[in-house]
Amino acid sequence: MCDNNNSEINLNLRMPSDQVKEGTVISDLIITIYNERRVFFTFCLLGLVAGILAAGFYYFTHRDSLGDKILAVPIGDVTITLTLNYQYAEELLFPSGATFNAKSIVTVDIVEKAICAIGISGITAADILPRLIVECDEVYPNIYTVTLLGMNGDFAFTSEDEKVDFLQSLATEYRRFINEKYFLNENTIGYLHGQHLGTIDSEIRTIELWTPDPFSFEKGFSHIMACYTTIGEILEEYHKNDPVYTSANGLSFREHENEINEIVGKEIAAWMERLNDGIYIRNIDRFMREYQHQLNRLEREFEYYSEQASSFNRLLSGTNVRKVEDFLMDAQSWAATAADKGNQIRIIEYNVEMLVTNEQEIRNNSREAEAAFISALDDLKEKLNEVRDALEDYYKECSTLSAENSVLFSRAIVSTPDGTDTHVSVGGVSTSRLVLIFFGPIFVGLAIGLCVAFLKKYLPVNKQ
C-alpha cells in the first residue's frame, strides 16, 4: 500500500532543461490554474461581482442626467434641397399668383408638424427656427436649400439621422401645405393663377343678371355672340395646352370649340343678318308708349355730345396737335358718341314710321325674333355650364397630378466642417464606457487570481 505521505504529488520538482518541450509553458500554466483553482476562481468571481456593481452604479447614476440623450451628439450641418415644381414657380409665384415668400417653408406651424411627425419630444419650433436657413439657388429661382445648423452641445437632436429625418419631415409637411392650400382644395380648383374657371363663372353670372335691351334684338344677339366668342377663345387656348384631353361627355376642347363656332356661325350670324335686313322691335306696345320719351332723351344727349365735340374742335383750331394729343382723343370720343346718338334717333324715327304702315308684319317678325332670342339665351346658359363642368373636371385632374410633384426634395445631406470634431460629450449613459466599467474589475480579478496562484506555487512550503 502507498504511504499517506506520498499521496500528494510535489509539483515543485523541476524538469531538466534538456527535457523541456514546446507547449510546456502553457501546460504548466493550465496545471497551476487547475491546482489553485479555488484561489483563482475566487478572485475571478470577486472581479465579476465588482464589475456588475460598478456597471450598475454607473448606469443608474447617469441614465437620467440628460433624459434619453446619448454620450455623443453630432454638430454637423444638415441640408436638404427643395424644388418648387408647379406652374409659375420659376416666376417666383405661389400657385394662386401671389408673390412667393421663402419664409413660408419654415413657418412655426410647419416646423411643429415636422417635429411631431418624427416623434421628437421636449423641443419646440422656437428651439429649431433660429437654426434654419433658407437660401434660393442663384441660377434656378424655384430651387431652395434649407440648412439646419449644427451646434455644440446639441440637446434638440440625438443623432445625425434624427436631423436628417427632421428635414425630410419638414419638406414633406411643406409639400402637404402647398397641396392642401392650392391643389387639393375644392375652393381653389380652377381659380389658381392662369386658370379660367373664374372667367366662365363670371360669364354665367353676367348672363343670369343681364337685362337685355327692352327694344333692340340686335343688342341682345350681339351680347350672346360676344359671350360665345370669349368661351371659344378660352377653349382654343386649352386645346393648345392639352390637345388630347377629353371631358366626361367624350369631347375634346377642340370639339367643344367647334360646337360653339357652329352656333355662332350659323344660328347667331343668321339672325344678325336678318335683323340688319328687316325691322324687328322688342315689346312693340311698350315701344309705342315710350318712343317719344326715348327720342327726347336721345336728342338731348345728341346735342350735349355734339356741343362738347364742337368745343374741342374750336379749342384745337390752329393749335399744334402734337402738344394736345389727349384733347384730340377726347374730341374724337365726343364726336363718336354724338354720332351714335344721332344714329339711334334715326332708327327710332324709322321704326315708328314703319309701324304706322306695316304694324302686323312687324309684330309677326318680332314674335319670331323673340322666340329665337329666348332660345339662344337658354342655349348659351346651357353651353356655359357644360364648358364649366368640362373645365372643372380638367382642373381637378391637373390639380391631382400637380399635387404629386408640387414640391420635390432630395435626401438630406450631413456636412461636417473641416477640422471640427463632429461629436461633443454631453453626459448620459455611454455604452462603451459601460462595457469598460463592467469588464475592468473582471480583468483585475483574473490578473490577481493568476498572481496568487503562481505565488503559492513558487513560494517555499513549510514542512512539518
Protein backbone atom coordinates (compact mmCIF):
# COMPACT_ATOMS: atom_id res chain seq x y z
CA MET A 1 0.00 0.00 0.00
CA CYS A 2 1.13 3.52 -0.61
CA ASP A 3 2.29 5.71 2.18
CA ASN A 4 -0.08 8.55 3.05
CA ASN A 5 2.85 10.99 2.99
CA ASN A 6 3.40 10.19 -0.67
CA SER A 7 -0.26 10.64 -1.67
CA GLU A 8 0.41 14.27 -2.67
CA ILE A 9 2.37 14.99 -5.81
CA ASN A 10 5.12 17.57 -5.37
CA LEU A 11 4.79 19.95 -8.35
CA ASN A 12 7.84 21.91 -7.24
CA LEU A 13 10.16 19.39 -8.86
CA ARG A 14 11.90 20.98 -11.85
CA MET A 15 12.49 19.06 -15.03
CA PRO A 16 15.96 19.13 -16.58
CA SER A 17 16.31 21.84 -19.24
CA ASP A 18 17.02 19.28 -21.95
CA GLN A 19 13.56 17.74 -21.31
CA VAL A 20 11.51 20.96 -21.71
CA LYS A 21 9.40 20.69 -24.81
CA GLU A 22 7.29 23.17 -26.81
CA GLY A 23 3.96 23.87 -25.13
CA THR A 24 5.29 23.13 -21.65
CA VAL A 25 4.77 26.75 -20.50
CA ILE A 26 1.08 26.65 -21.46
CA SER A 27 0.71 23.23 -19.89
CA ASP A 28 2.40 24.50 -16.75
CA LEU A 29 0.02 27.48 -16.68
CA ILE A 30 -3.03 25.28 -17.04
CA ILE A 31 -1.79 22.86 -14.34
CA THR A 32 -1.04 25.76 -11.99
CA ILE A 33 -4.54 27.26 -12.50
CA TYR A 34 -6.10 23.87 -12.03
CA ASN A 35 -4.21 23.15 -8.82
CA GLU A 36 -5.02 26.62 -7.46
CA ARG A 37 -8.45 26.78 -8.95
CA ARG A 38 -10.16 27.70 -5.72
CA VAL A 39 -7.97 30.76 -5.28
CA PHE A 40 -8.10 31.69 -8.99
CA PHE A 41 -11.86 31.45 -9.41
CA THR A 42 -12.45 33.16 -6.09
CA PHE A 43 -10.68 36.28 -7.37
CA CYS A 44 -12.41 35.98 -10.75
CA LEU A 45 -15.78 35.82 -9.01
CA LEU A 46 -14.88 38.82 -6.89
CA GLY A 47 -13.93 40.72 -10.08
CA LEU A 48 -17.25 39.74 -11.71
CA VAL A 49 -19.26 40.92 -8.72
CA ALA A 50 -17.25 44.15 -8.60
CA GLY A 51 -17.82 44.68 -12.35
CA ILE A 52 -21.57 44.17 -12.02
CA LEU A 53 -21.78 46.54 -9.08
CA ALA A 54 -19.64 49.21 -10.79
CA ALA A 55 -21.55 48.99 -14.08
CA GLY A 56 -24.88 49.10 -12.29
CA PHE A 57 -23.84 52.10 -10.25
CA TYR A 58 -22.67 53.93 -13.38
CA TYR A 59 -25.85 53.15 -15.32
CA PHE A 60 -28.29 54.20 -12.62
CA THR A 61 -26.40 57.39 -11.81
CA HIS A 62 -26.07 58.53 -15.43
CA ARG A 63 -29.15 57.38 -17.27
CA ASP A 64 -31.30 60.36 -16.20
CA SER A 65 -28.64 63.05 -16.35
CA LEU A 66 -29.88 64.21 -19.78
CA GLY A 67 -33.11 62.28 -20.23
CA ASP A 68 -32.64 59.92 -23.14
CA LYS A 69 -29.64 61.73 -24.64
CA ILE A 70 -26.61 59.74 -25.70
CA LEU A 71 -22.99 60.50 -24.85
CA ALA A 72 -22.04 61.98 -28.22
CA VAL A 73 -24.21 64.34 -30.30
CA PRO A 74 -23.27 65.33 -33.87
CA ILE A 75 -22.71 69.03 -34.56
CA GLY A 76 -22.52 68.97 -38.37
CA ASP A 77 -24.91 70.99 -40.58
CA VAL A 78 -27.68 69.16 -42.43
CA THR A 79 -29.10 70.45 -45.73
CA ILE A 80 -31.98 69.49 -47.98
CA THR A 81 -32.89 70.82 -51.43
CA LEU A 82 -36.50 71.65 -52.36
CA THR A 83 -37.67 72.24 -55.93
CA LEU A 84 -40.97 74.03 -56.48
CA ASN A 85 -42.33 72.05 -59.42
CA TYR A 86 -45.70 73.68 -60.09
CA GLN A 87 -46.56 76.10 -62.89
CA TYR A 88 -45.29 79.68 -62.49
CA ALA A 89 -42.89 78.65 -59.68
CA GLU A 90 -39.96 79.91 -61.77
CA GLU A 91 -41.68 83.30 -61.86
CA LEU A 92 -41.48 83.39 -58.03
CA LEU A 93 -45.22 82.97 -57.61
CA PHE A 94 -47.42 80.81 -55.44
CA PRO A 95 -49.98 78.72 -57.37
CA SER A 96 -52.54 81.43 -56.59
CA GLY A 97 -50.42 84.06 -58.33
CA ALA A 98 -49.28 85.78 -55.13
CA THR A 99 -45.57 86.59 -54.81
CA PHE A 100 -43.65 83.65 -53.35
CA ASN A 101 -42.09 84.07 -49.90
CA ALA A 102 -39.28 81.68 -48.93
CA LYS A 103 -40.20 82.11 -45.25
CA SER A 104 -43.31 80.04 -45.92
CA ILE A 105 -41.06 76.94 -45.95
CA VAL A 106 -40.08 77.31 -42.28
CA THR A 107 -43.16 78.69 -40.54
CA VAL A 108 -43.90 77.80 -36.93
CA ASP A 109 -46.82 75.58 -37.95
CA ILE A 110 -44.81 73.55 -40.47
CA VAL A 111 -41.84 73.12 -38.10
CA GLU A 112 -44.12 71.96 -35.27
CA LYS A 113 -45.79 69.43 -37.56
CA ALA A 114 -42.36 68.15 -38.69
CA ILE A 115 -41.28 67.72 -35.05
CA CYS A 116 -44.48 65.85 -34.23
CA ALA A 117 -44.16 63.64 -37.33
CA ILE A 118 -40.81 62.14 -36.23
CA GLY A 119 -41.81 61.91 -32.57
CA ILE A 120 -39.23 64.23 -31.00
CA SER A 121 -40.25 65.26 -27.50
CA GLY A 122 -39.06 68.04 -25.27
CA ILE A 123 -38.39 70.63 -28.01
CA THR A 124 -40.49 73.26 -29.78
CA ALA A 125 -40.37 75.19 -33.02
CA ALA A 126 -38.77 78.09 -31.12
CA ASP A 127 -35.77 75.86 -30.37
CA ILE A 128 -35.19 74.99 -34.02
CA LEU A 129 -36.31 78.02 -36.06
CA PRO A 130 -33.16 80.09 -35.27
CA ARG A 131 -31.07 77.26 -36.71
CA LEU A 132 -32.95 77.01 -40.02
CA ILE A 133 -31.64 78.95 -43.03
CA VAL A 134 -33.43 79.07 -46.41
CA GLU A 135 -31.42 80.07 -49.50
CA CYS A 136 -32.55 80.44 -53.12
CA ASP A 137 -30.47 78.99 -55.92
CA GLU A 138 -28.60 81.65 -57.91
CA VAL A 139 -29.49 80.11 -61.28
CA TYR A 140 -32.88 78.46 -60.75
CA PRO A 141 -35.27 80.66 -58.72
CA ASN A 142 -37.59 77.74 -57.96
CA ILE A 143 -34.90 75.74 -56.11
CA TYR A 144 -34.31 76.35 -52.40
CA THR A 145 -31.82 74.90 -49.91
CA VAL A 146 -32.85 74.52 -46.28
CA THR A 147 -29.98 74.16 -43.81
CA LEU A 148 -30.24 73.02 -40.20
CA LEU A 149 -27.19 74.47 -38.49
CA GLY A 150 -25.21 72.20 -36.15
CA MET A 151 -24.19 73.38 -32.71
CA ASN A 152 -22.04 72.24 -29.79
CA GLY A 153 -23.97 70.56 -27.02
CA ASP A 154 -26.99 69.88 -29.23
CA PHE A 155 -29.82 69.00 -26.86
CA ALA A 156 -32.52 69.05 -29.56
CA PHE A 157 -31.36 66.05 -31.60
CA THR A 158 -29.73 62.82 -30.50
CA SER A 159 -28.12 61.84 -33.80
CA GLU A 160 -27.39 62.97 -37.32
CA ASP A 161 -30.05 60.57 -38.56
CA GLU A 162 -32.60 62.38 -36.43
CA LYS A 163 -31.62 65.68 -38.03
CA VAL A 164 -31.96 64.11 -41.47
CA ASP A 165 -35.38 62.73 -40.55
CA PHE A 166 -36.45 66.15 -39.33
CA LEU A 167 -35.57 67.90 -42.59
CA GLN A 168 -37.22 65.13 -44.60
CA SER A 169 -40.33 65.60 -42.48
CA LEU A 170 -40.12 69.39 -42.91
CA ALA A 171 -40.06 69.03 -46.72
CA THR A 172 -42.96 66.58 -46.60
CA GLU A 173 -45.03 68.92 -44.43
CA TYR A 174 -44.33 71.85 -46.76
CA ARG A 175 -45.50 69.85 -49.77
CA ARG A 176 -48.63 68.92 -47.83
CA PHE A 177 -49.16 72.62 -47.04
CA ILE A 178 -48.91 73.60 -50.72
CA ASN A 179 -51.21 70.79 -51.81
CA GLU A 180 -53.90 71.35 -49.18
CA LYS A 181 -53.96 75.11 -49.71
CA TYR A 182 -53.95 75.11 -53.50
CA PHE A 183 -54.14 71.82 -55.41
CA LEU A 184 -56.39 69.66 -53.21
CA ASN A 185 -58.67 72.46 -52.06
CA GLU A 186 -62.14 72.43 -53.60
CA ASN A 187 -62.39 76.20 -53.22
CA THR A 188 -59.28 76.91 -55.31
CA ILE A 189 -59.59 74.36 -58.12
CA GLY A 190 -59.92 76.29 -61.36
CA TYR A 191 -59.23 79.64 -59.69
CA LEU A 192 -55.43 79.45 -59.48
CA HIS A 193 -53.12 81.68 -61.45
CA GLY A 194 -53.64 81.21 -65.19
CA GLN A 195 -56.86 79.19 -64.78
CA HIS A 196 -60.14 80.36 -66.31
CA LEU A 197 -62.91 78.76 -64.32
CA GLY A 198 -63.48 82.15 -62.71
CA THR A 199 -63.90 83.70 -66.17
CA ILE A 200 -66.59 81.14 -67.05
CA ASP A 201 -68.33 81.75 -63.72
CA SER A 202 -68.24 85.49 -64.40
CA GLU A 203 -69.84 84.96 -67.79
CA ILE A 204 -72.53 82.79 -66.22
CA ARG A 205 -73.28 85.38 -63.54
CA THR A 206 -73.35 88.11 -66.18
CA ILE A 207 -75.90 86.22 -68.24
CA GLU A 208 -78.01 85.41 -65.18
CA LEU A 209 -78.04 89.05 -64.07
CA TRP A 210 -78.11 90.53 -67.55
CA THR A 211 -81.14 92.57 -68.53
CA PRO A 212 -81.46 92.62 -72.34
CA ASP A 213 -82.29 95.86 -74.10
CA PRO A 214 -86.07 96.22 -73.92
CA PHE A 215 -86.43 97.27 -77.57
CA SER A 216 -83.38 96.04 -79.53
CA PHE A 217 -82.94 92.43 -80.64
CA GLU A 218 -79.65 93.38 -82.24
CA LYS A 219 -78.05 94.33 -78.93
CA GLY A 220 -79.28 91.10 -77.35
CA PHE A 221 -77.89 88.83 -80.07
CA SER A 222 -74.63 90.81 -80.13
CA HIS A 223 -74.18 90.20 -76.42
CA ILE A 224 -74.78 86.46 -76.86
CA MET A 225 -72.24 86.36 -79.70
CA ALA A 226 -69.65 88.14 -77.53
CA CYS A 227 -70.12 85.54 -74.76
CA TYR A 228 -69.66 82.66 -77.20
CA THR A 229 -66.54 84.32 -78.61
CA THR A 230 -64.98 84.61 -75.14
CA ILE A 231 -65.65 80.95 -74.37
CA GLY A 232 -64.29 79.88 -77.75
CA GLU A 233 -61.01 81.73 -77.15
CA ILE A 234 -60.62 80.02 -73.77
CA LEU A 235 -61.28 76.58 -75.27
CA GLU A 236 -58.78 77.23 -78.06
CA GLU A 237 -56.09 78.08 -75.51
CA TYR A 238 -56.73 74.88 -73.56
CA HIS A 239 -56.72 72.79 -76.70
CA LYS A 240 -53.22 74.10 -77.46
CA ASN A 241 -52.06 73.19 -73.95
CA ASP A 242 -53.65 69.74 -73.89
CA PRO A 243 -54.94 68.60 -77.32
CA VAL A 244 -55.65 65.00 -76.23
CA TYR A 245 -57.82 65.73 -73.19
CA THR A 246 -61.46 64.63 -73.38
CA SER A 247 -64.19 65.66 -70.96
CA ALA A 248 -66.71 63.38 -69.27
CA ASN A 249 -69.01 63.54 -72.33
CA GLY A 250 -66.15 62.38 -74.58
CA LEU A 251 -65.48 65.74 -76.24
CA SER A 252 -62.09 67.37 -76.53
CA PHE A 253 -61.57 71.10 -76.09
CA ARG A 254 -61.41 71.45 -79.87
CA GLU A 255 -64.77 69.70 -80.28
CA HIS A 256 -66.35 71.97 -77.66
CA GLU A 257 -64.92 74.96 -79.53
CA ASN A 258 -66.27 73.66 -82.85
CA GLU A 259 -69.76 73.38 -81.39
CA ILE A 260 -69.59 76.99 -80.25
CA ASN A 261 -68.27 78.17 -83.62
CA GLU A 262 -71.11 76.35 -85.35
CA ILE A 263 -73.70 78.04 -83.13
CA VAL A 264 -72.16 81.45 -83.74
CA GLY A 265 -71.54 80.91 -87.43
CA LYS A 266 -74.95 79.58 -88.28
CA GLU A 267 -77.66 80.48 -85.78
CA ILE A 268 -76.45 83.76 -84.28
CA ALA A 269 -74.91 85.11 -87.50
CA ALA A 270 -78.07 84.25 -89.45
CA TRP A 271 -80.24 86.20 -87.04
CA MET A 272 -77.85 89.15 -87.02
CA GLU A 273 -78.19 89.31 -90.81
CA ARG A 274 -82.00 89.15 -90.64
CA LEU A 275 -82.06 91.92 -88.05
CA ASN A 276 -79.99 94.14 -90.31
CA ASP A 277 -82.27 93.50 -93.31
CA GLY A 278 -85.66 93.82 -91.58
CA ILE A 279 -87.45 95.67 -88.82
CA TYR A 280 -87.58 93.80 -85.52
CA ILE A 281 -88.73 95.59 -82.37
CA ARG A 282 -88.96 94.04 -78.93
CA ASN A 283 -92.02 94.90 -76.80
CA ILE A 284 -93.82 96.83 -79.56
CA ASP A 285 -96.64 98.11 -77.33
CA ARG A 286 -94.19 99.42 -74.76
CA PHE A 287 -92.09 100.90 -77.56
CA MET A 288 -95.10 102.81 -78.89
CA ARG A 289 -95.81 104.22 -75.43
CA GLU A 290 -92.24 105.24 -74.69
CA TYR A 291 -90.67 106.08 -78.04
CA GLN A 292 -91.32 109.80 -77.70
CA HIS A 293 -89.62 109.85 -74.32
CA GLN A 294 -86.69 107.90 -75.82
CA LEU A 295 -86.45 110.36 -78.68
CA ASN A 296 -86.42 113.35 -76.37
CA ARG A 297 -83.70 111.83 -74.20
CA LEU A 298 -81.54 110.88 -77.20
CA GLU A 299 -81.96 114.32 -78.73
CA ARG A 300 -80.76 115.99 -75.54
CA GLU A 301 -77.77 113.66 -75.33
CA PHE A 302 -77.03 114.24 -79.01
CA GLU A 303 -77.00 118.00 -78.54
CA TYR A 304 -74.75 117.70 -75.46
CA TYR A 305 -72.14 115.49 -77.10
CA SER A 306 -72.22 117.50 -80.31
CA GLU A 307 -71.59 120.71 -78.37
CA GLN A 308 -68.69 119.10 -76.50
CA ALA A 309 -67.14 117.92 -79.75
CA SER A 310 -67.55 121.43 -81.27
CA SER A 311 -65.90 122.99 -78.20
CA PHE A 312 -62.87 120.76 -78.58
CA ASN A 313 -62.71 121.49 -82.30
CA ARG A 314 -62.67 125.23 -81.64
CA LEU A 315 -60.02 124.76 -78.96
CA LEU A 316 -57.83 122.71 -81.27
CA SER A 317 -58.25 125.04 -84.23
CA GLY A 318 -54.87 126.46 -85.12
CA THR A 319 -53.11 124.55 -82.29
CA ASN A 320 -50.14 122.19 -82.56
CA VAL A 321 -51.87 118.83 -82.25
CA ARG A 322 -48.74 117.07 -81.03
CA LYS A 323 -48.86 119.11 -77.84
CA VAL A 324 -52.53 118.42 -77.16
CA GLU A 325 -52.89 114.79 -78.19
CA ASP A 326 -55.10 113.98 -75.21
CA PHE A 327 -57.52 116.78 -76.14
CA LEU A 328 -57.72 115.43 -79.67
CA MET A 329 -58.61 111.94 -78.43
CA ASP A 330 -61.34 113.38 -76.21
CA ALA A 331 -62.75 115.36 -79.13
CA GLN A 332 -62.91 112.22 -81.25
CA SER A 333 -64.66 110.36 -78.42
CA TRP A 334 -67.30 113.10 -78.01
CA ALA A 335 -67.89 113.18 -81.76
CA ALA A 336 -68.26 109.38 -81.98
CA THR A 337 -70.76 109.35 -79.12
CA ALA A 338 -72.78 112.15 -80.69
CA ALA A 339 -72.85 110.26 -83.99
CA ASP A 340 -74.09 107.12 -82.21
CA LYS A 341 -76.88 109.08 -80.51
CA GLY A 342 -77.88 110.57 -83.84
CA ASN A 343 -78.00 107.10 -85.38
CA GLN A 344 -80.26 105.81 -82.60
CA ILE A 345 -82.61 108.76 -83.16
CA ARG A 346 -82.89 107.98 -86.85
CA ILE A 347 -83.56 104.26 -86.13
CA ILE A 348 -86.37 105.07 -83.71
CA GLU A 349 -87.93 107.53 -86.13
CA TYR A 350 -87.71 104.98 -88.93
CA ASN A 351 -89.21 102.21 -86.78
CA VAL A 352 -92.11 104.44 -85.74
CA GLU A 353 -92.79 105.33 -89.33
CA MET A 354 -92.73 101.65 -90.40
CA LEU A 355 -95.01 100.64 -87.54
CA VAL A 356 -97.67 103.02 -88.81
CA THR A 357 -97.72 101.36 -92.24
CA ASN A 358 -96.64 97.72 -91.53
CA GLU A 359 -97.62 97.07 -87.94
CA GLN A 360 -98.90 93.49 -88.37
CA GLU A 361 -95.87 92.32 -90.34
CA ILE A 362 -93.50 93.85 -87.81
CA ARG A 363 -95.38 92.22 -84.94
CA ASN A 364 -95.07 88.81 -86.61
CA ASN A 365 -91.35 89.35 -87.18
CA SER A 366 -90.86 90.42 -83.60
CA ARG A 367 -92.65 87.39 -82.17
CA GLU A 368 -90.40 85.10 -84.22
CA ALA A 369 -87.28 87.02 -83.17
CA GLU A 370 -88.31 86.97 -79.51
CA ALA A 371 -88.70 83.19 -79.55
CA ALA A 372 -85.31 82.79 -81.26
CA PHE A 373 -83.67 85.20 -78.80
CA ILE A 374 -85.01 83.37 -75.73
CA SER A 375 -83.92 80.03 -77.21
CA ALA A 376 -80.44 81.37 -77.99
CA LEU A 377 -80.15 82.73 -74.45
CA ASP A 378 -81.13 79.37 -72.94
CA ASP A 379 -78.68 77.56 -75.23
CA LEU A 380 -75.92 79.94 -74.14
CA LYS A 381 -76.58 79.25 -70.45
CA GLU A 382 -76.59 75.50 -71.10
CA LYS A 383 -73.35 75.71 -73.08
CA LEU A 384 -71.69 77.83 -70.41
CA ASN A 385 -72.49 75.25 -67.74
CA GLU A 386 -71.34 72.41 -69.99
CA VAL A 387 -67.99 74.09 -70.63
CA ARG A 388 -67.68 74.95 -66.95
CA ASP A 389 -68.16 71.29 -65.96
CA ALA A 390 -65.57 70.20 -68.53
CA LEU A 391 -63.05 72.76 -67.27
CA GLU A 392 -63.70 71.89 -63.63
CA ASP A 393 -63.07 68.19 -64.29
CA TYR A 394 -59.93 69.13 -66.21
CA TYR A 395 -58.66 71.33 -63.37
CA LYS A 396 -59.35 68.61 -60.81
CA GLU A 397 -57.29 66.16 -62.84
CA CYS A 398 -54.50 68.70 -63.28
CA SER A 399 -54.54 69.53 -59.57
CA THR A 400 -54.23 65.87 -58.62
CA LEU A 401 -51.24 65.46 -60.93
CA SER A 402 -49.68 68.70 -59.72
CA ALA A 403 -50.07 67.66 -56.08
CA GLU A 404 -47.96 64.54 -56.63
CA ASN A 405 -44.90 66.55 -57.63
CA SER A 406 -45.67 70.08 -56.44
CA VAL A 407 -42.58 70.13 -54.23
CA LEU A 408 -39.67 67.79 -54.98
CA PHE A 409 -36.89 67.24 -52.48
CA SER A 410 -33.71 65.20 -52.21
CA ARG A 411 -32.34 63.15 -49.35
CA ALA A 412 -30.94 65.43 -46.65
CA ILE A 413 -27.12 65.61 -46.56
CA VAL A 414 -24.91 65.91 -43.49
CA SER A 415 -21.96 68.26 -43.94
CA THR A 416 -19.03 68.23 -41.50
CA PRO A 417 -16.97 71.43 -41.14
CA ASP A 418 -13.25 70.92 -41.84
CA GLY A 419 -11.17 70.48 -38.69
CA THR A 420 -14.23 70.25 -36.50
CA ASP A 421 -14.94 67.44 -34.09
CA THR A 422 -18.42 66.34 -35.04
CA HIS A 423 -19.12 64.88 -31.61
CA VAL A 424 -19.23 66.53 -28.23
CA SER A 425 -19.58 64.81 -24.89
CA VAL A 426 -22.79 65.82 -23.18
CA GLY A 427 -23.17 63.14 -20.49
CA GLY A 428 -25.74 60.41 -20.26
CA VAL A 429 -25.12 56.64 -20.46
CA SER A 430 -22.32 55.64 -22.83
CA THR A 431 -22.38 52.03 -23.99
CA SER A 432 -18.62 51.90 -24.50
CA ARG A 433 -17.93 53.29 -21.05
CA LEU A 434 -20.45 50.90 -19.52
CA VAL A 435 -18.64 47.93 -21.12
CA LEU A 436 -15.27 49.12 -19.87
CA ILE A 437 -16.56 49.57 -16.33
CA PHE A 438 -18.08 46.08 -16.36
CA PHE A 439 -15.09 44.16 -17.75
CA GLY A 440 -12.42 46.19 -15.92
CA PRO A 441 -12.89 44.62 -12.45
CA ILE A 442 -13.25 41.18 -14.05
CA PHE A 443 -9.86 41.58 -15.72
CA VAL A 444 -8.30 42.82 -12.49
CA GLY A 445 -9.73 39.84 -10.59
CA LEU A 446 -8.39 37.44 -13.21
CA ALA A 447 -4.91 39.00 -13.01
CA ILE A 448 -4.85 38.89 -9.22
CA GLY A 449 -6.00 35.26 -9.26
CA LEU A 450 -3.15 34.30 -11.59
CA CYS A 451 -0.61 36.12 -9.47
CA VAL A 452 -1.75 34.45 -6.25
CA ALA A 453 -1.79 31.03 -7.93
CA PHE A 454 1.83 31.36 -9.08
CA LEU A 455 2.95 32.82 -5.77
CA LYS A 456 1.55 29.81 -3.94
CA LYS A 457 3.34 27.57 -6.41
CA TYR A 458 6.79 29.09 -6.15
CA LEU A 459 6.86 30.23 -2.53
CA PRO A 460 8.65 27.68 -0.24
CA VAL A 461 6.32 25.35 1.63
CA ASN A 462 6.93 24.81 5.34
CA LYS A 463 7.12 21.04 6.10
CA GLN A 464 6.31 19.62 9.46
